[in-house]
Amino acid sequence: MLDYLQKAKQYLWIFVEIGFLTVISVILIYLILGPDSSGVFVSGVADNVLKFAAAIPAQSLVGLALVLALVVLLTNRMR
């Protein structure tokens, strides 16, 4: 049973990574081609990402950056 859960966790993590890389690739296409010639889908995704980023308060971003830095430092010390 634990092997099944481990495999499911692995597949879900791969799915999340693919989704993240897709969004990053679409944003890169948007930045390279510009808003006029990037297409409807790319412009829609870029608009949604920009709206999401604008809705996040600055304090939350600072807190998230601090937690991420702490995790990286602790991970490097454990090695």
N, C-alpha and C. Protein backbone atom coordinates (compact mmCIF):
# COMPACT_ATOMS: atom_id res chain seq x y z
N MET A 1 0.82 -1.19 0.00
CA MET A 1 0.00 0.00 0.00
C MET A 1 0.87 1.26 0.00
N LEU A 2 1.95 1.24 0.78
CA LEU A 2 2.82 2.41 0.82
C LEU A 2 3.54 2.63 -0.51
N ASP A 3 3.84 1.53 -1.20
CA ASP A 3 4.46 1.67 -2.52
C ASP A 3 3.50 2.35 -3.49
N TYR A 4 2.23 2.00 -3.41
CA TYR A 4 1.22 2.63 -4.27
C TYR A 4 1.11 4.12 -3.98
N LEU A 5 1.11 4.49 -2.70
CA LEU A 5 1.04 5.90 -2.34
C LEU A 5 2.29 6.66 -2.78
N GLN A 6 3.43 6.02 -2.67
CA GLN A 6 4.68 6.65 -3.10
C GLN A 6 4.67 6.89 -4.61
N LYS A 7 4.19 5.91 -5.37
CA LYS A 7 4.11 6.07 -6.83
C LYS A 7 3.10 7.15 -7.20
N ALA A 8 1.96 7.18 -6.50
CA ALA A 8 0.95 8.21 -6.76
C ALA A 8 1.52 9.59 -6.47
N LYS A 9 2.27 9.71 -5.38
CA LYS A 9 2.90 10.98 -5.02
C LYS A 9 3.89 11.41 -6.10
N GLN A 10 4.66 10.45 -6.60
CA GLN A 10 5.63 10.73 -7.65
C GLN A 10 4.93 11.23 -8.92
N TYR A 11 3.87 10.53 -9.33
CA TYR A 11 3.15 10.93 -10.54
C TYR A 11 2.50 12.30 -10.38
N LEU A 12 1.94 12.57 -9.21
CA LEU A 12 1.33 13.87 -8.98
C LEU A 12 2.38 14.98 -9.00
N TRP A 13 3.54 14.73 -8.43
CA TRP A 13 4.60 15.73 -8.44
C TRP A 13 5.08 16.00 -9.86
N ILE A 14 5.20 14.96 -10.68
CA ILE A 14 5.58 15.12 -12.08
C ILE A 14 4.52 15.95 -12.81
N PHE A 15 3.25 15.70 -12.53
CA PHE A 15 2.16 16.46 -13.15
C PHE A 15 2.25 17.94 -12.76
N VAL A 16 2.55 18.22 -11.50
CA VAL A 16 2.69 19.60 -11.05
C VAL A 16 3.87 20.27 -11.74
N GLU A 17 4.98 19.57 -11.86
CA GLU A 17 6.14 20.13 -12.54
C GLU A 17 5.85 20.43 -14.01
N ILE A 18 5.16 19.53 -14.68
CA ILE A 18 4.80 19.76 -16.09
C ILE A 18 3.89 20.97 -16.21
N GLY A 19 2.92 21.10 -15.32
CA GLY A 19 2.02 22.25 -15.35
C GLY A 19 2.77 23.55 -15.11
N PHE A 20 3.69 23.55 -14.15
CA PHE A 20 4.47 24.74 -13.86
C PHE A 20 5.35 25.11 -15.05
N LEU A 21 6.00 24.13 -15.66
CA LEU A 21 6.83 24.41 -16.83
C LEU A 21 6.00 24.91 -18.00
N THR A 22 4.78 24.42 -18.14
CA THR A 22 3.90 24.90 -19.20
C THR A 22 3.55 26.36 -19.01
N VAL A 23 3.20 26.73 -17.78
CA VAL A 23 2.86 28.13 -17.50
C VAL A 23 4.06 29.03 -17.72
N ILE A 24 5.23 28.60 -17.26
CA ILE A 24 6.45 29.39 -17.46
C ILE A 24 6.77 29.52 -18.95
N SER A 25 6.58 28.46 -19.72
CA SER A 25 6.84 28.52 -21.16
C SER A 25 5.88 29.48 -21.85
N VAL A 26 4.61 29.46 -21.45
CA VAL A 26 3.62 30.36 -22.05
C VAL A 26 3.97 31.81 -21.73
N ILE A 27 4.39 32.08 -20.49
CA ILE A 27 4.78 33.43 -20.12
C ILE A 27 6.01 33.88 -20.92
N LEU A 28 6.95 32.97 -21.12
CA LEU A 28 8.13 33.29 -21.92
C LEU A 28 7.75 33.61 -23.36
N ILE A 29 6.85 32.85 -23.94
CA ILE A 29 6.37 33.13 -25.30
C ILE A 29 5.70 34.50 -25.35
N TYR A 30 4.91 34.80 -24.32
CA TYR A 30 4.24 36.10 -24.25
C TYR A 30 5.26 37.24 -24.19
N LEU A 31 6.32 37.05 -23.40
CA LEU A 31 7.34 38.10 -23.29
C LEU A 31 8.14 38.26 -24.58
N ILE A 32 8.38 37.17 -25.28
CA ILE A 32 9.16 37.24 -26.51
C ILE A 32 8.34 37.83 -27.66
N LEU A 33 7.11 37.36 -27.83
CA LEU A 33 6.31 37.79 -28.97
C LEU A 33 5.53 39.08 -28.72
N GLY A 34 5.28 39.39 -27.48
CA GLY A 34 4.51 40.60 -27.17
C GLY A 34 3.02 40.29 -27.12
N PRO A 35 2.25 41.24 -26.60
CA PRO A 35 0.81 41.01 -26.42
C PRO A 35 0.02 40.94 -27.72
N ASP A 36 0.51 41.56 -28.78
CA ASP A 36 -0.27 41.59 -30.02
C ASP A 36 -0.14 40.33 -30.86
N SER A 37 1.03 39.76 -30.93
CA SER A 37 1.23 38.63 -31.84
C SER A 37 1.42 37.30 -31.12
N SER A 38 1.10 37.22 -29.84
CA SER A 38 1.32 35.97 -29.12
C SER A 38 0.14 35.02 -29.19
N GLY A 39 -1.01 35.48 -29.59
CA GLY A 39 -2.17 34.60 -29.71
C GLY A 39 -3.12 34.75 -28.54
N VAL A 40 -4.32 34.23 -28.73
CA VAL A 40 -5.38 34.39 -27.74
C VAL A 40 -5.09 33.57 -26.48
N PHE A 41 -4.68 32.33 -26.66
CA PHE A 41 -4.42 31.47 -25.50
C PHE A 41 -3.29 32.00 -24.65
N VAL A 42 -2.19 32.36 -25.29
CA VAL A 42 -1.02 32.85 -24.56
C VAL A 42 -1.36 34.16 -23.85
N SER A 43 -2.08 35.05 -24.52
CA SER A 43 -2.47 36.31 -23.89
C SER A 43 -3.41 36.07 -22.72
N GLY A 44 -4.32 35.12 -22.85
CA GLY A 44 -5.23 34.80 -21.76
C GLY A 44 -4.51 34.25 -20.54
N VAL A 45 -3.57 33.35 -20.77
CA VAL A 45 -2.81 32.79 -19.66
C VAL A 45 -1.96 33.87 -19.00
N ALA A 46 -1.33 34.71 -19.81
CA ALA A 46 -0.50 35.79 -19.27
C ALA A 46 -1.34 36.78 -18.47
N ASP A 47 -2.53 37.11 -18.96
CA ASP A 47 -3.41 38.02 -18.22
C ASP A 47 -3.83 37.41 -16.89
N ASN A 48 -4.14 36.13 -16.88
CA ASN A 48 -4.53 35.47 -15.64
C ASN A 48 -3.37 35.43 -14.63
N VAL A 49 -2.17 35.16 -15.11
CA VAL A 49 -1.01 35.14 -14.21
C VAL A 49 -0.75 36.54 -13.66
N LEU A 50 -0.86 37.56 -14.49
CA LEU A 50 -0.64 38.93 -14.03
C LEU A 50 -1.71 39.36 -13.02
N LYS A 51 -2.97 38.97 -13.25
CA LYS A 51 -4.03 39.28 -12.29
C LYS A 51 -3.79 38.58 -10.96
N PHE A 52 -3.37 37.32 -11.03
CA PHE A 52 -3.08 36.57 -9.81
C PHE A 52 -1.92 37.20 -9.04
N ALA A 53 -0.86 37.59 -9.76
CA ALA A 53 0.30 38.19 -9.11
C ALA A 53 -0.06 39.55 -8.50
N ALA A 54 -0.94 40.29 -9.15
CA ALA A 54 -1.33 41.60 -8.63
C ALA A 54 -2.22 41.47 -7.39
N ALA A 55 -2.93 40.36 -7.27
CA ALA A 55 -3.85 40.18 -6.14
C ALA A 55 -3.14 39.72 -4.87
N ILE A 56 -1.91 39.27 -4.99
CA ILE A 56 -1.17 38.80 -3.82
C ILE A 56 -0.54 40.00 -3.11
N PRO A 57 -0.82 40.17 -1.83
CA PRO A 57 -0.22 41.31 -1.10
C PRO A 57 1.30 41.17 -0.99
N ALA A 58 1.97 42.28 -0.90
CA ALA A 58 3.44 42.29 -0.83
C ALA A 58 3.94 41.58 0.42
N GLN A 59 3.21 41.69 1.52
CA GLN A 59 3.63 41.04 2.76
C GLN A 59 3.64 39.53 2.60
N SER A 60 2.70 39.00 1.86
CA SER A 60 2.66 37.56 1.64
C SER A 60 3.85 37.10 0.81
N LEU A 61 4.23 37.89 -0.18
CA LEU A 61 5.38 37.53 -1.00
C LEU A 61 6.67 37.56 -0.19
N VAL A 62 6.80 38.54 0.68
CA VAL A 62 7.99 38.62 1.54
C VAL A 62 8.03 37.43 2.49
N GLY A 63 6.89 37.09 3.07
CA GLY A 63 6.83 35.94 3.97
C GLY A 63 7.15 34.64 3.25
N LEU A 64 6.63 34.48 2.05
CA LEU A 64 6.90 33.29 1.27
C LEU A 64 8.38 33.20 0.91
N ALA A 65 8.98 34.33 0.55
CA ALA A 65 10.41 34.35 0.23
C ALA A 65 11.25 33.98 1.45
N LEU A 66 10.87 34.47 2.63
CA LEU A 66 11.62 34.14 3.84
C LEU A 66 11.51 32.66 4.18
N VAL A 67 10.32 32.10 4.06
CA VAL A 67 10.14 30.67 4.33
C VAL A 67 10.94 29.84 3.33
N LEU A 68 10.91 30.22 2.07
CA LEU A 68 11.66 29.49 1.05
C LEU A 68 13.16 29.56 1.31
N ALA A 69 13.65 30.74 1.69
CA ALA A 69 15.07 30.89 2.00
C ALA A 69 15.45 30.03 3.20
N LEU A 70 14.59 29.99 4.19
CA LEU A 70 14.85 29.17 5.38
C LEU A 70 14.90 27.69 5.02
N VAL A 71 13.99 27.24 4.17
CA VAL A 71 13.99 25.84 3.74
C VAL A 71 15.26 25.51 2.97
N VAL A 72 15.69 26.40 2.10
CA VAL A 72 16.91 26.16 1.33
C VAL A 72 18.12 26.10 2.26
N LEU A 73 18.20 27.02 3.21
CA LEU A 73 19.33 27.01 4.15
C LEU A 73 19.35 25.73 4.99
N LEU A 74 18.21 25.32 5.48
CA LEU A 74 18.15 24.10 6.30
C LEU A 74 18.46 22.86 5.47
N THR A 75 18.02 22.85 4.24
CA THR A 75 18.31 21.70 3.37
C THR A 75 19.80 21.61 3.08
N ASN A 76 20.43 22.75 2.85
CA ASN A 76 21.88 22.74 2.58
C ASN A 76 22.67 22.33 3.82
N ARG A 77 22.20 22.68 4.99
CA ARG A 77 22.90 22.30 6.22
C ARG A 77 22.78 20.82 6.52
N MET A 78 21.66 20.23 6.12
CA MET A 78 21.42 18.81 6.40
C MET A 78 22.32 17.93 5.54
N ARG A 79 22.78 18.42 4.41
CA ARG A 79 23.59 17.61 3.49
C ARG A 79 24.96 17.47 3.98
